[in-house]
Amino acid sequence: MSMPYANLPKNKVFANLISCLEEINDFRMPNKIKYPLVSIVLMALCAIIGGADNWVEVASFCKDHVAWFRNALGLECGVPSHDTFNRVFNQTIPNELTYWLILWLEATLPQSNTADVIHMDGKVL
């Protein structure tokens, strides 16, 4: 897989993630969209990294950090409900989401070889 964004300055990494996620096909009917797909995916990613384990916790995390999300994503309608997160992720094609996240990670993370990897399971130090 090529890395089209590899030469971007570090402050462009977040914008790069948004660019990658904007490529995901939005299955929803355009006249019924209240929250952009990119916003829903980014909020869910932040919540999951922050320790959320289910859609109720994702929505709760996002409500707790709504000021940051409004500033970063320009949310006008607040935070989606846990049902909205559930519905969107149940209908979003996982392979497509995985593809664009991997592309972003490859472009963002420095190249390394396996000698630089530290295994955390205790089998290899």
PDB file of N, CA and C in Angstrom:
ATOM      1  N   MET A   1       0.845  -1.165   0.000  1.00  0.00           N
ATOM      2  CA  MET A   1       0.000   0.000   0.000  1.00  0.00           C
ATOM      3  C   MET A   1       0.899   1.238   0.000  1.00  0.00           C
ATOM      4  N   SER A   2       0.616   2.167  -0.854  1.00  0.00           N
ATOM      5  CA  SER A   2       1.434   3.372  -0.921  1.00  0.00           C
ATOM      6  C   SER A   2       1.071   4.331   0.195  1.00  0.00           C
ATOM      7  N   MET A   3       1.919   5.312   0.412  1.00  0.00           N
ATOM      8  CA  MET A   3       1.705   6.277   1.481  1.00  0.00           C
ATOM      9  C   MET A   3       1.651   7.677   0.893  1.00  0.00           C
ATOM     10  N   PRO A   4       0.517   8.122   0.387  1.00  0.00           N
ATOM     11  CA  PRO A   4       0.432   9.405  -0.286  1.00  0.00           C
ATOM     12  C   PRO A   4       0.605  10.596   0.633  1.00  0.00           C
ATOM     13  N   TYR A   5       0.436  10.409   1.950  1.00  0.00           N
ATOM     14  CA  TYR A   5       0.506  11.536   2.870  1.00  0.00           C
ATOM     15  C   TYR A   5       1.773  11.530   3.717  1.00  0.00           C
ATOM     16  N   ALA A   6       2.752  10.698   3.381  1.00  0.00           N
ATOM     17  CA  ALA A   6       3.913  10.497   4.233  1.00  0.00           C
ATOM     18  C   ALA A   6       4.738  11.759   4.444  1.00  0.00           C
ATOM     19  N   ASN A   7       4.704  12.694   3.528  1.00  0.00           N
ATOM     20  CA  ASN A   7       5.548  13.879   3.646  1.00  0.00           C
ATOM     21  C   ASN A   7       4.845  15.072   4.269  1.00  0.00           C
ATOM     22  N   LEU A   8       3.666  14.876   4.830  1.00  0.00           N
ATOM     23  CA  LEU A   8       2.946  15.974   5.460  1.00  0.00           C
ATOM     24  C   LEU A   8       3.613  16.364   6.777  1.00  0.00           C
ATOM     25  N   PRO A   9       3.610  17.666   7.108  1.00  0.00           N
ATOM     26  CA  PRO A   9       4.106  18.074   8.426  1.00  0.00           C
ATOM     27  C   PRO A   9       3.250  17.456   9.523  1.00  0.00           C
ATOM     28  N   LYS A  10       3.813  17.294  10.720  1.00  0.00           N
ATOM     29  CA  LYS A  10       3.120  16.628  11.816  1.00  0.00           C
ATOM     30  C   LYS A  10       1.815  17.322  12.194  1.00  0.00           C
ATOM     31  N   ASN A  11       1.719  18.643  12.047  1.00  0.00           N
ATOM     32  CA  ASN A  11       0.481  19.332  12.421  1.00  0.00           C
ATOM     33  C   ASN A  11      -0.645  19.057  11.435  1.00  0.00           C
ATOM     34  N   LYS A  12      -0.365  18.400  10.343  1.00  0.00           N
ATOM     35  CA  LYS A  12      -1.381  18.054   9.346  1.00  0.00           C
ATOM     36  C   LYS A  12      -1.915  16.639   9.554  1.00  0.00           C
ATOM     37  N   VAL A  13      -1.432  15.933  10.578  1.00  0.00           N
ATOM     38  CA  VAL A  13      -1.816  14.537  10.773  1.00  0.00           C
ATOM     39  C   VAL A  13      -3.314  14.412  11.022  1.00  0.00           C
ATOM     40  N   PHE A  14      -3.902  15.263  11.876  1.00  0.00           N
ATOM     41  CA  PHE A  14      -5.327  15.183  12.167  1.00  0.00           C
ATOM     42  C   PHE A  14      -6.132  15.447  10.904  1.00  0.00           C
ATOM     43  N   ALA A  15      -5.738  16.467  10.146  1.00  0.00           N
ATOM     44  CA  ALA A  15      -6.416  16.756   8.884  1.00  0.00           C
ATOM     45  C   ALA A  15      -6.275  15.582   7.924  1.00  0.00           C
ATOM     46  N   ASN A  16      -5.141  14.917   7.954  1.00  0.00           N
ATOM     47  CA  ASN A  16      -4.909  13.756   7.123  1.00  0.00           C
ATOM     48  C   ASN A  16      -5.887  12.633   7.481  1.00  0.00           C
ATOM     49  N   LEU A  17      -6.115  12.418   8.774  1.00  0.00           N
ATOM     50  CA  LEU A  17      -7.073  11.404   9.200  1.00  0.00           C
ATOM     51  C   LEU A  17      -8.464  11.763   8.690  1.00  0.00           C
ATOM     52  N   ILE A  18      -8.833  13.020   8.803  1.00  0.00           N
ATOM     53  CA  ILE A  18     -10.131  13.456   8.300  1.00  0.00           C
ATOM     54  C   ILE A  18     -10.222  13.212   6.799  1.00  0.00           C
ATOM     55  N   SER A  19      -9.156  13.517   6.064  1.00  0.00           N
ATOM     56  CA  SER A  19      -9.150  13.275   4.617  1.00  0.00           C
ATOM     57  C   SER A  19      -9.355  11.799   4.305  1.00  0.00           C
ATOM     58  N   CYS A  20      -8.706  10.936   5.065  1.00  0.00           N
ATOM     59  CA  CYS A  20      -8.874   9.496   4.844  1.00  0.00           C
ATOM     60  C   CYS A  20     -10.300   9.057   5.154  1.00  0.00           C
ATOM     61  N   LEU A  21     -10.841   9.536   6.266  1.00  0.00           N
ATOM     62  CA  LEU A  21     -12.178   9.112   6.664  1.00  0.00           C
ATOM     63  C   LEU A  21     -13.259   9.677   5.753  1.00  0.00           C
ATOM     64  N   GLU A  22     -12.990  10.798   5.109  1.00  0.00           N
ATOM     65  CA  GLU A  22     -13.960  11.358   4.165  1.00  0.00           C
ATOM     66  C   GLU A  22     -14.149  10.476   2.939  1.00  0.00           C
ATOM     67  N   GLU A  23     -13.235   9.552   2.730  1.00  0.00           N
ATOM     68  CA  GLU A  23     -13.328   8.640   1.593  1.00  0.00           C
ATOM     69  C   GLU A  23     -14.296   7.485   1.842  1.00  0.00           C
ATOM     70  N   ILE A  24     -14.722   7.287   3.081  1.00  0.00           N
ATOM     71  CA  ILE A  24     -15.661   6.212   3.393  1.00  0.00           C
ATOM     72  C   ILE A  24     -17.020   6.560   2.802  1.00  0.00           C
ATOM     73  N   ASN A  25     -17.612   5.616   2.120  1.00  0.00           N
ATOM     74  CA  ASN A  25     -18.936   5.829   1.526  1.00  0.00           C
ATOM     75  C   ASN A  25     -19.977   5.973   2.620  1.00  0.00           C
ATOM     76  N   ASP A  26     -20.746   7.040   2.547  1.00  0.00           N
ATOM     77  CA  ASP A  26     -21.812   7.277   3.511  1.00  0.00           C
ATOM     78  C   ASP A  26     -23.101   6.697   2.940  1.00  0.00           C
ATOM     79  N   PHE A  27     -23.623   5.675   3.568  1.00  0.00           N
ATOM     80  CA  PHE A  27     -24.795   4.945   3.099  1.00  0.00           C
ATOM     81  C   PHE A  27     -26.104   5.681   3.386  1.00  0.00           C
ATOM     82  N   ARG A  28     -26.055   6.683   4.254  1.00  0.00           N
ATOM     83  CA  ARG A  28     -27.294   7.303   4.740  1.00  0.00           C
ATOM     84  C   ARG A  28     -27.941   8.189   3.680  1.00  0.00           C
ATOM     85  N   MET A  29     -29.230   8.409   3.844  1.00  0.00           N
ATOM     86  CA  MET A  29     -29.969   9.278   2.924  1.00  0.00           C
ATOM     87  C   MET A  29     -29.554  10.730   3.204  1.00  0.00           C
ATOM     88  N   PRO A  30     -29.097  11.454   2.173  1.00  0.00           N
ATOM     89  CA  PRO A  30     -28.557  12.808   2.383  1.00  0.00           C
ATOM     90  C   PRO A  30     -29.490  13.760   3.121  1.00  0.00           C
ATOM     91  N   ASN A  31     -30.777  13.673   2.895  1.00  0.00           N
ATOM     92  CA  ASN A  31     -31.701  14.607   3.548  1.00  0.00           C
ATOM     93  C   ASN A  31     -31.989  14.249   5.005  1.00  0.00           C
ATOM     94  N   LYS A  32     -31.472  13.114   5.489  1.00  0.00           N
ATOM     95  CA  LYS A  32     -31.698  12.698   6.870  1.00  0.00           C
ATOM     96  C   LYS A  32     -30.430  12.742   7.709  1.00  0.00           C
ATOM     97  N   ILE A  33     -29.352  13.275   7.156  1.00  0.00           N
ATOM     98  CA  ILE A  33     -28.077  13.301   7.872  1.00  0.00           C
ATOM     99  C   ILE A  33     -28.045  14.499   8.821  1.00  0.00           C
ATOM    100  N   LYS A  34     -27.900  14.199  10.097  1.00  0.00           N
ATOM    101  CA  LYS A  34     -27.778  15.241  11.111  1.00  0.00           C
ATOM    102  C   LYS A  34     -26.319  15.426  11.507  1.00  0.00           C
ATOM    103  N   TYR A  35     -25.554  14.332  11.527  1.00  0.00           N
ATOM    104  CA  TYR A  35     -24.144  14.342  11.908  1.00  0.00           C
ATOM    105  C   TYR A  35     -23.318  13.812  10.741  1.00  0.00           C
ATOM    106  N   PRO A  36     -22.270  14.529  10.344  1.00  0.00           N
ATOM    107  CA  PRO A  36     -21.406  14.007   9.282  1.00  0.00           C
ATOM    108  C   PRO A  36     -20.764  12.682   9.703  1.00  0.00           C
ATOM    109  N   LEU A  37     -20.608  11.779   8.764  1.00  0.00           N
ATOM    110  CA  LEU A  37     -20.015  10.472   9.054  1.00  0.00           C
ATOM    111  C   LEU A  37     -18.626  10.617   9.659  1.00  0.00           C
ATOM    112  N   VAL A  38     -17.843  11.543   9.138  1.00  0.00           N
ATOM    113  CA  VAL A  38     -16.486  11.753   9.653  1.00  0.00           C
ATOM    114  C   VAL A  38     -16.529  12.126  11.130  1.00  0.00           C
ATOM    115  N   SER A  39     -17.457  12.972  11.520  1.00  0.00           N
ATOM    116  CA  SER A  39     -17.572  13.369  12.920  1.00  0.00           C
ATOM    117  C   SER A  39     -17.928  12.185  13.804  1.00  0.00           C
ATOM    118  N   ILE A  40     -18.862  11.366  13.346  1.00  0.00           N
ATOM    119  CA  ILE A  40     -19.263  10.199  14.135  1.00  0.00           C
ATOM    120  C   ILE A  40     -18.087   9.247  14.310  1.00  0.00           C
ATOM    121  N   VAL A  41     -17.350   8.988  13.243  1.00  0.00           N
ATOM    122  CA  VAL A  41     -16.223   8.058  13.310  1.00  0.00           C
ATOM    123  C   VAL A  41     -15.119   8.617  14.201  1.00  0.00           C
ATOM    124  N   LEU A  42     -14.795   9.902  14.053  1.00  0.00           N
ATOM    125  CA  LEU A  42     -13.744  10.493  14.883  1.00  0.00           C
ATOM    126  C   LEU A  42     -14.120  10.517  16.359  1.00  0.00           C
ATOM    127  N   MET A  43     -15.366  10.849  16.663  1.00  0.00           N
ATOM    128  CA  MET A  43     -15.797  10.838  18.064  1.00  0.00           C
ATOM    129  C   MET A  43     -15.704   9.430  18.641  1.00  0.00           C
ATOM    130  N   ALA A  44     -16.132   8.441  17.870  1.00  0.00           N
ATOM    131  CA  ALA A  44     -16.067   7.058  18.343  1.00  0.00           C
ATOM    132  C   ALA A  44     -14.622   6.614  18.548  1.00  0.00           C
ATOM    133  N   LEU A  45     -13.734   6.965  17.626  1.00  0.00           N
ATOM    134  CA  LEU A  45     -12.320   6.603  17.781  1.00  0.00           C
ATOM    135  C   LEU A  45     -11.725   7.217  19.034  1.00  0.00           C
ATOM    136  N   CYS A  46     -12.000   8.495  19.259  1.00  0.00           N
ATOM    137  CA  CYS A  46     -11.491   9.168  20.465  1.00  0.00           C
ATOM    138  C   CYS A  46     -12.029   8.498  21.721  1.00  0.00           C
ATOM    139  N   ALA A  47     -13.307   8.175  21.732  1.00  0.00           N
ATOM    140  CA  ALA A  47     -13.915   7.546  22.904  1.00  0.00           C
ATOM    141  C   ALA A  47     -13.334   6.155  23.150  1.00  0.00           C
ATOM    142  N   ILE A  48     -13.123   5.395  22.098  1.00  0.00           N
ATOM    143  CA  ILE A  48     -12.573   4.048  22.249  1.00  0.00           C
ATOM    144  C   ILE A  48     -11.139   4.120  22.765  1.00  0.00           C
ATOM    145  N   ILE A  49     -10.363   5.039  22.227  1.00  0.00           N
ATOM    146  CA  ILE A  49      -8.998   5.235  22.733  1.00  0.00           C
ATOM    147  C   ILE A  49      -9.051   5.686  24.189  1.00  0.00           C
ATOM    148  N   GLY A  50     -10.093   6.447  24.538  1.00  0.00           N
ATOM    149  CA  GLY A  50     -10.277   6.919  25.909  1.00  0.00           C
ATOM    150  C   GLY A  50     -10.858   5.883  26.854  1.00  0.00           C
ATOM    151  N   GLY A  51     -11.103   4.672  26.380  1.00  0.00           N
ATOM    152  CA  GLY A  51     -11.531   3.589  27.258  1.00  0.00           C
ATOM    153  C   GLY A  51     -12.976   3.159  27.131  1.00  0.00           C
ATOM    154  N   ALA A  52     -13.745   3.730  26.224  1.00  0.00           N
ATOM    155  CA  ALA A  52     -15.142   3.333  26.049  1.00  0.00           C
ATOM    156  C   ALA A  52     -15.211   1.927  25.462  1.00  0.00           C
ATOM    157  N   ASP A  53     -16.110   1.122  26.013  1.00  0.00           N
ATOM    158  CA  ASP A  53     -16.250  -0.274  25.589  1.00  0.00           C
ATOM    159  C   ASP A  53     -17.537  -0.576  24.848  1.00  0.00           C
ATOM    160  N   ASN A  54     -18.490   0.355  24.863  1.00  0.00           N
ATOM    161  CA  ASN A  54     -19.757   0.125  24.179  1.00  0.00           C
ATOM    162  C   ASN A  54     -20.309   1.476  23.733  1.00  0.00           C
ATOM    163  N   TRP A  55     -21.426   1.459  23.000  1.00  0.00           N
ATOM    164  CA  TRP A  55     -21.934   2.702  22.422  1.00  0.00           C
ATOM    165  C   TRP A  55     -22.473   3.663  23.475  1.00  0.00           C
ATOM    166  N   VAL A  56     -22.976   3.155  24.575  1.00  0.00           N
ATOM    167  CA  VAL A  56     -23.425   4.038  25.658  1.00  0.00           C
ATOM    168  C   VAL A  56     -22.226   4.792  26.232  1.00  0.00           C
ATOM    169  N   GLU A  57     -21.127   4.088  26.442  1.00  0.00           N
ATOM    170  CA  GLU A  57     -19.913   4.725  26.953  1.00  0.00           C
ATOM    171  C   GLU A  57     -19.316   5.686  25.929  1.00  0.00           C
ATOM    172  N   VAL A  58     -19.417   5.355  24.649  1.00  0.00           N
ATOM    173  CA  VAL A  58     -18.938   6.262  23.598  1.00  0.00           C
ATOM    174  C   VAL A  58     -19.708   7.574  23.653  1.00  0.00           C
ATOM    175  N   ALA A  59     -21.033   7.485  23.701  1.00  0.00           N
ATOM    176  CA  ALA A  59     -21.860   8.693  23.760  1.00  0.00           C
ATOM    177  C   ALA A  59     -21.583   9.489  25.029  1.00  0.00           C
ATOM    178  N   SER A  60     -21.415   8.799  26.136  1.00  0.00           N
ATOM    179  CA  SER A  60     -21.118   9.469  27.411  1.00  0.00           C
ATOM    180  C   SER A  60     -19.766  10.191  27.354  1.00  0.00           C
ATOM    181  N   PHE A  61     -18.747   9.517  26.813  1.00  0.00           N
ATOM    182  CA  PHE A  61     -17.426  10.139  26.663  1.00  0.00           C
ATOM    183  C   PHE A  61     -17.531  11.396  25.806  1.00  0.00           C
ATOM    184  N   CYS A  62     -18.246  11.299  24.716  1.00  0.00           N
ATOM    185  CA  CYS A  62     -18.374  12.439  23.808  1.00  0.00           C
ATOM    186  C   CYS A  62     -19.122  13.599  24.459  1.00  0.00           C
ATOM    187  N   LYS A  63     -20.144  13.293  25.256  1.00  0.00           N
ATOM    188  CA  LYS A  63     -20.860  14.351  25.973  1.00  0.00           C
ATOM    189  C   LYS A  63     -19.961  15.021  27.007  1.00  0.00           C
ATOM    190  N   ASP A  64     -19.107  14.237  27.650  1.00  0.00           N
ATOM    191  CA  ASP A  64     -18.168  14.792  28.630  1.00  0.00           C
ATOM    192  C   ASP A  64     -17.133  15.704  27.971  1.00  0.00           C
ATOM    193  N   HIS A  65     -16.864  15.491  26.686  1.00  0.00           N
ATOM    194  CA  HIS A  65     -15.842  16.256  25.958  1.00  0.00           C
ATOM    195  C   HIS A  65     -16.449  17.062  24.812  1.00  0.00           C
ATOM    196  N   VAL A  66     -17.710  17.420  24.946  1.00  0.00           N
ATOM    197  CA  VAL A  66     -18.434  18.085  23.860  1.00  0.00           C
ATOM    198  C   VAL A  66     -17.783  19.404  23.455  1.00  0.00           C
ATOM    199  N   ALA A  67     -17.208  20.145  24.383  1.00  0.00           N
ATOM    200  CA  ALA A  67     -16.566  21.427  24.040  1.00  0.00           C
ATOM    201  C   ALA A  67     -15.387  21.193  23.093  1.00  0.00           C
ATOM    202  N   TRP A  68     -14.594  20.172  23.373  1.00  0.00           N
ATOM    203  CA  TRP A  68     -13.455  19.876  22.504  1.00  0.00           C
ATOM    204  C   TRP A  68     -13.933  19.431  21.126  1.00  0.00           C
ATOM    205  N   PHE A  69     -14.946  18.567  21.105  1.00  0.00           N
ATOM    206  CA  PHE A  69     -15.464  18.094  19.822  1.00  0.00           C
ATOM    207  C   PHE A  69     -16.084  19.233  19.014  1.00  0.00           C
ATOM    208  N   ARG A  70     -16.775  20.158  19.680  1.00  0.00           N
ATOM    209  CA  ARG A  70     -17.341  21.312  18.964  1.00  0.00           C
ATOM    210  C   ARG A  70     -16.231  22.138  18.334  1.00  0.00           C
ATOM    211  N   ASN A  71     -15.153  22.331  19.072  1.00  0.00           N
ATOM    212  CA  ASN A  71     -14.027  23.115  18.565  1.00  0.00           C
ATOM    213  C   ASN A  71     -13.317  22.380  17.427  1.00  0.00           C
ATOM    214  N   ALA A  72     -13.067  21.092  17.591  1.00  0.00           N
ATOM    215  CA  ALA A  72     -12.299  20.324  16.603  1.00  0.00           C
ATOM    216  C   ALA A  72     -13.113  19.978  15.366  1.00  0.00           C
ATOM    217  N   LEU A  73     -14.402  19.679  15.546  1.00  0.00           N
ATOM    218  CA  LEU A  73     -15.211  19.173  14.444  1.00  0.00           C
ATOM    219  C   LEU A  73     -16.308  20.133  14.004  1.00  0.00           C
ATOM    220  N   GLY A  74     -16.489  21.205  14.739  1.00  0.00           N
ATOM    221  CA  GLY A  74     -17.535  22.155  14.385  1.00  0.00           C
ATOM    222  C   GLY A  74     -18.928  21.583  14.540  1.00  0.00           C
ATOM    223  N   LEU A  75     -19.140  20.790  15.567  1.00  0.00           N
ATOM    224  CA  LEU A  75     -20.456  20.183  15.785  1.00  0.00           C
ATOM    225  C   LEU A  75     -21.495  21.258  16.046  1.00  0.00           C
ATOM    226  N   GLU A  76     -22.571  21.201  15.306  1.00  0.00           N
ATOM    227  CA  GLU A  76     -23.657  22.152  15.507  1.00  0.00           C
ATOM    228  C   GLU A  76     -24.822  21.516  16.251  1.00  0.00           C
ATOM    229  N   CYS A  77     -24.947  20.210  16.168  1.00  0.00           N
ATOM    230  CA  CYS A  77     -26.102  19.517  16.741  1.00  0.00           C
ATOM    231  C   CYS A  77     -25.762  18.761  18.019  1.00  0.00           C
ATOM    232  N   GLY A  78     -24.608  19.004  18.591  1.00  0.00           N
ATOM    233  CA  GLY A  78     -24.226  18.277  19.793  1.00  0.00           C
ATOM    234  C   GLY A  78     -23.695  16.901  19.479  1.00  0.00           C
ATOM    235  N   VAL A  79     -23.844  16.005  20.434  1.00  0.00           N
ATOM    236  CA  VAL A  79     -23.295  14.659  20.332  1.00  0.00           C
ATOM    237  C   VAL A  79     -24.403  13.682  19.944  1.00  0.00           C
ATOM    238  N   PRO A  80     -24.123  12.771  19.016  1.00  0.00           N
ATOM    239  CA  PRO A  80     -25.124  11.756  18.657  1.00  0.00           C
ATOM    240  C   PRO A  80     -25.443  10.854  19.848  1.00  0.00           C
ATOM    241  N   SER A  81     -26.609  10.259  19.823  1.00  0.00           N
ATOM    242  CA  SER A  81     -26.988   9.305  20.868  1.00  0.00           C
ATOM    243  C   SER A  81     -26.253   7.985  20.652  1.00  0.00           C
ATOM    244  N   HIS A  82     -26.294   7.146  21.682  1.00  0.00           N
ATOM    245  CA  HIS A  82     -25.657   5.834  21.545  1.00  0.00           C
ATOM    246  C   HIS A  82     -26.332   5.022  20.447  1.00  0.00           C
ATOM    247  N   ASP A  83     -27.623   5.237  20.238  1.00  0.00           N
ATOM    248  CA  ASP A  83     -28.327   4.533  19.159  1.00  0.00           C
ATOM    249  C   ASP A  83     -27.819   4.952  17.785  1.00  0.00           C
ATOM    250  N   THR A  84     -27.483   6.230  17.642  1.00  0.00           N
ATOM    251  CA  THR A  84     -26.942   6.720  16.364  1.00  0.00           C
ATOM    252  C   THR A  84     -25.583   6.095  16.092  1.00  0.00           C
ATOM    253  N   PHE A  85     -24.704   6.083  17.108  1.00  0.00           N
ATOM    254  CA  PHE A  85     -23.398   5.430  16.939  1.00  0.00           C
ATOM    255  C   PHE A  85     -23.590   3.967  16.530  1.00  0.00           C
ATOM    256  N   ASN A  86     -24.467   3.275  17.236  1.00  0.00           N
ATOM    257  CA  ASN A  86     -24.718   1.867  16.953  1.00  0.00           C
ATOM    258  C   ASN A  86     -25.209   1.659  15.524  1.00  0.00           C
ATOM    259  N   ARG A  87     -26.192   2.442  15.111  1.00  0.00           N
ATOM    260  CA  ARG A  87     -26.775   2.303  13.777  1.00  0.00           C
ATOM    261  C   ARG A  87     -25.737   2.574  12.689  1.00  0.00           C
ATOM    262  N   VAL A  88     -24.968   3.644  12.853  1.00  0.00           N
ATOM    263  CA  VAL A  88     -23.981   4.006  11.834  1.00  0.00           C
ATOM    264  C   VAL A  88     -22.902   2.934  11.717  1.00  0.00           C
ATOM    265  N   PHE A  89     -22.387   2.471  12.840  1.00  0.00           N
ATOM    266  CA  PHE A  89     -21.308   1.479  12.769  1.00  0.00           C
ATOM    267  C   PHE A  89     -21.808   0.100  12.365  1.00  0.00           C
ATOM    268  N   ASN A  90     -23.064  -0.195  12.617  1.00  0.00           N
ATOM    269  CA  ASN A  90     -23.611  -1.467  12.151  1.00  0.00           C
ATOM    270  C   ASN A  90     -23.816  -1.477  10.647  1.00  0.00           C
ATOM    271  N   GLN A  91     -23.950  -0.311  10.045  1.00  0.00           N
ATOM    272  CA  GLN A  91     -24.190  -0.250   8.607  1.00  0.00           C
ATOM    273  C   GLN A  91     -22.967   0.201   7.802  1.00  0.00           C
ATOM    274  N   THR A  92     -21.943   0.712   8.473  1.00  0.00           N
ATOM    275  CA  THR A  92     -20.725   1.112   7.767  1.00  0.00           C
ATOM    276  C   THR A  92     -19.933  -0.148   7.418  1.00  0.00           C
ATOM    277  N   ILE A  93     -19.389  -0.169   6.238  1.00  0.00           N
ATOM    278  CA  ILE A  93     -18.634  -1.340   5.790  1.00  0.00           C
ATOM    279  C   ILE A  93     -17.305  -1.400   6.553  1.00  0.00           C
ATOM    280  N   PRO A  94     -17.111  -2.424   7.402  1.00  0.00           N
ATOM    281  CA  PRO A  94     -15.901  -2.496   8.228  1.00  0.00           C
ATOM    282  C   PRO A  94     -14.614  -2.537   7.407  1.00  0.00           C
ATOM    283  N   ASN A  95     -14.618  -3.228   6.282  1.00  0.00           N
ATOM    284  CA  ASN A  95     -13.401  -3.318   5.470  1.00  0.00           C
ATOM    285  C   ASN A  95     -12.979  -1.955   4.951  1.00  0.00           C
ATOM    286  N   GLU A  96     -13.947  -1.132   4.605  1.00  0.00           N
ATOM    287  CA  GLU A  96     -13.628   0.200   4.102  1.00  0.00           C
ATOM    288  C   GLU A  96     -13.051   1.068   5.216  1.00  0.00           C
ATOM    289  N   LEU A  97     -13.648   1.025   6.389  1.00  0.00           N
ATOM    290  CA  LEU A  97     -13.131   1.773   7.533  1.00  0.00           C
ATOM    291  C   LEU A  97     -11.727   1.301   7.881  1.00  0.00           C
ATOM    292  N   THR A  98     -11.531   0.009   7.914  1.00  0.00           N
ATOM    293  CA  THR A  98     -10.218  -0.568   8.215  1.00  0.00           C
ATOM    294  C   THR A  98      -9.183  -0.125   7.191  1.00  0.00           C
ATOM    295  N   TYR A  99      -9.535  -0.153   5.920  1.00  0.00           N
ATOM    296  CA  TYR A  99      -8.611   0.247   4.859  1.00  0.00           C
ATOM    297  C   TYR A  99      -8.107   1.672   5.069  1.00  0.00           C
ATOM    298  N   TRP A 100      -9.027   2.607   5.309  1.00  0.00           N
ATOM    299  CA  TRP A 100      -8.633   4.014   5.433  1.00  0.00           C
ATOM    300  C   TRP A 100      -7.887   4.287   6.732  1.00  0.00           C
ATOM    301  N   LEU A 101      -8.219   3.581   7.803  1.00  0.00           N
ATOM    302  CA  LEU A 101      -7.466   3.753   9.048  1.00  0.00           C
ATOM    303  C   LEU A 101      -6.040   3.224   8.902  1.00  0.00           C
ATOM    304  N   ILE A 102      -5.890   2.094   8.235  1.00  0.00           N
ATOM    305  CA  ILE A 102      -4.550   1.541   8.012  1.00  0.00           C
ATOM    306  C   ILE A 102      -3.737   2.473   7.111  1.00  0.00           C
ATOM    307  N   LEU A 103      -4.355   3.007   6.087  1.00  0.00           N
ATOM    308  CA  LEU A 103      -3.664   3.960   5.212  1.00  0.00           C
ATOM    309  C   LEU A 103      -3.166   5.155   6.011  1.00  0.00           C
ATOM    310  N   TRP A 104      -4.030   5.684   6.879  1.00  0.00           N
ATOM    311  CA  TRP A 104      -3.639   6.824   7.710  1.00  0.00           C
ATOM    312  C   TRP A 104      -2.485   6.457   8.647  1.00  0.00           C
ATOM    313  N   LEU A 105      -2.573   5.291   9.288  1.00  0.00           N
ATOM    314  CA  LEU A 105      -1.508   4.865  10.204  1.00  0.00           C
ATOM    315  C   LEU A 105      -0.184   4.678   9.474  1.00  0.00           C
ATOM    316  N   GLU A 106      -0.229   4.084   8.293  1.00  0.00           N
ATOM    317  CA  GLU A 106       1.004   3.900   7.523  1.00  0.00           C
ATOM    318  C   GLU A 106       1.625   5.237   7.156  1.00  0.00           C
ATOM    319  N   ALA A 107       0.798   6.219   6.861  1.00  0.00           N
ATOM    320  CA  ALA A 107       1.301   7.535   6.483  1.00  0.00           C
ATOM    321  C   ALA A 107       1.812   8.312   7.688  1.00  0.00           C
ATOM    322  N   THR A 108       1.282   8.015   8.849  1.00  0.00           N
ATOM    323  CA  THR A 108       1.576   8.790  10.045  1.00  0.00           C
ATOM    324  C   THR A 108       2.732   8.223  10.856  1.00  0.00           C
ATOM    325  N   LEU A 109       2.751   6.919  11.037  1.00  0.00           N
ATOM    326  CA  LEU A 109       3.762   6.296  11.882  1.00  0.00           C
ATOM    327  C   LEU A 109       5.088   6.181  11.138  1.00  0.00           C
ATOM    328  N   PRO A 110       6.180   6.353  11.859  1.00  0.00           N
ATOM    329  CA  PRO A 110       7.484   6.217  11.197  1.00  0.00           C
ATOM    330  C   PRO A 110       7.725   4.782  10.750  1.00  0.00           C
ATOM    331  N   GLN A 111       8.487   4.648   9.682  1.00  0.00           N
ATOM    332  CA  GLN A 111       8.844   3.325   9.202  1.00  0.00           C
ATOM    333  C   GLN A 111       9.810   2.700  10.192  1.00  0.00           C
ATOM    334  N   SER A 112       9.622   1.432  10.488  1.00  0.00           N
ATOM    335  CA  SER A 112      10.541   0.733  11.384  1.00  0.00           C
ATOM    336  C   SER A 112      10.613  -0.719  10.951  1.00  0.00           C
ATOM    337  N   ASN A 113      11.629  -1.381  11.443  1.00  0.00           N
ATOM    338  CA  ASN A 113      11.710  -2.811  11.163  1.00  0.00           C
ATOM    339  C   ASN A 113      11.318  -3.568  12.425  1.00  0.00           C
ATOM    340  N   THR A 114      11.211  -4.864  12.332  1.00  0.00           N
ATOM    341  CA  THR A 114      10.732  -5.649  13.467  1.00  0.00           C
ATOM    342  C   THR A 114      11.704  -5.627  14.633  1.00  0.00           C
ATOM    343  N   ALA A 115      12.966  -5.261  14.412  1.00  0.00           N
ATOM    344  CA  ALA A 115      13.924  -5.184  15.513  1.00  0.00           C
ATOM    345  C   ALA A 115      13.562  -4.060  16.479  1.00  0.00           C
ATOM    346  N   ASP A 116      12.801  -3.072  16.003  1.00  0.00           N
ATOM    347  CA  ASP A 116      12.414  -1.944  16.850  1.00  0.00           C
ATOM    348  C   ASP A 116      11.148  -2.212  17.651  1.00  0.00           C
ATOM    349  N   VAL A 117      10.502  -3.340  17.429  1.00  0.00           N
ATOM    350  CA  VAL A 117       9.227  -3.636  18.074  1.00  0.00           C
ATOM    351  C   VAL A 117       9.475  -4.216  19.459  1.00  0.00           C
ATOM    352  N   ILE A 118       8.755  -3.720  20.445  1.00  0.00           N
ATOM    353  CA  ILE A 118       8.806  -4.270  21.792  1.00  0.00           C
ATOM    354  C   ILE A 118       7.493  -4.995  22.032  1.00  0.00           C
ATOM    355  N   HIS A 119       7.554  -6.277  22.238  1.00  0.00           N
ATOM    356  CA  HIS A 119       6.360  -7.068  22.485  1.00  0.00           C
ATOM    357  C   HIS A 119       5.934  -6.886  23.926  1.00  0.00           C
ATOM    358  N   MET A 120       4.653  -6.666  24.136  1.00  0.00           N
ATOM    359  CA  MET A 120       4.153  -6.359  25.471  1.00  0.00           C
ATOM    360  C   MET A 120       3.592  -7.591  26.187  1.00  0.00           C
ATOM    361  N   ASP A 121       3.565  -8.725  25.532  1.00  0.00           N
ATOM    362  CA  ASP A 121       2.970  -9.901  26.165  1.00  0.00           C
ATOM    363  C   ASP A 121       3.966 -10.680  27.019  1.00  0.00           C
ATOM    364  N   GLY A 122       5.209 -10.227  27.071  1.00  0.00           N
ATOM    365  CA  GLY A 122       6.208 -10.862  27.915  1.00  0.00           C
ATOM    366  C   GLY A 122       6.953 -11.997  27.266  1.00  0.00           C
ATOM    367  N   LYS A 123       6.594 -12.358  26.047  1.00  0.00           N
ATOM    368  CA  LYS A 123       7.262 -13.472  25.392  1.00  0.00           C
ATOM    369  C   LYS A 123       8.571 -13.054  24.743  1.00  0.00           C
ATOM    370  N   VAL A 124       8.649 -11.812  24.289  1.00  0.00           N
ATOM    371  CA  VAL A 124       9.863 -11.317  23.662  1.00  0.00           C
ATOM    372  C   VAL A 124      10.176  -9.968  24.276  1.00  0.00           C
ATOM    373  N   LEU A 125      11.383  -9.787  24.722  1.00  0.00           N
ATOM    374  CA  LEU A 125      11.780  -8.501  25.295  1.00  0.00           C
ATOM    375  C   LEU A 125      12.769  -7.812  24.389  1.00  0.00           C
TER     376      LEU A 125
END
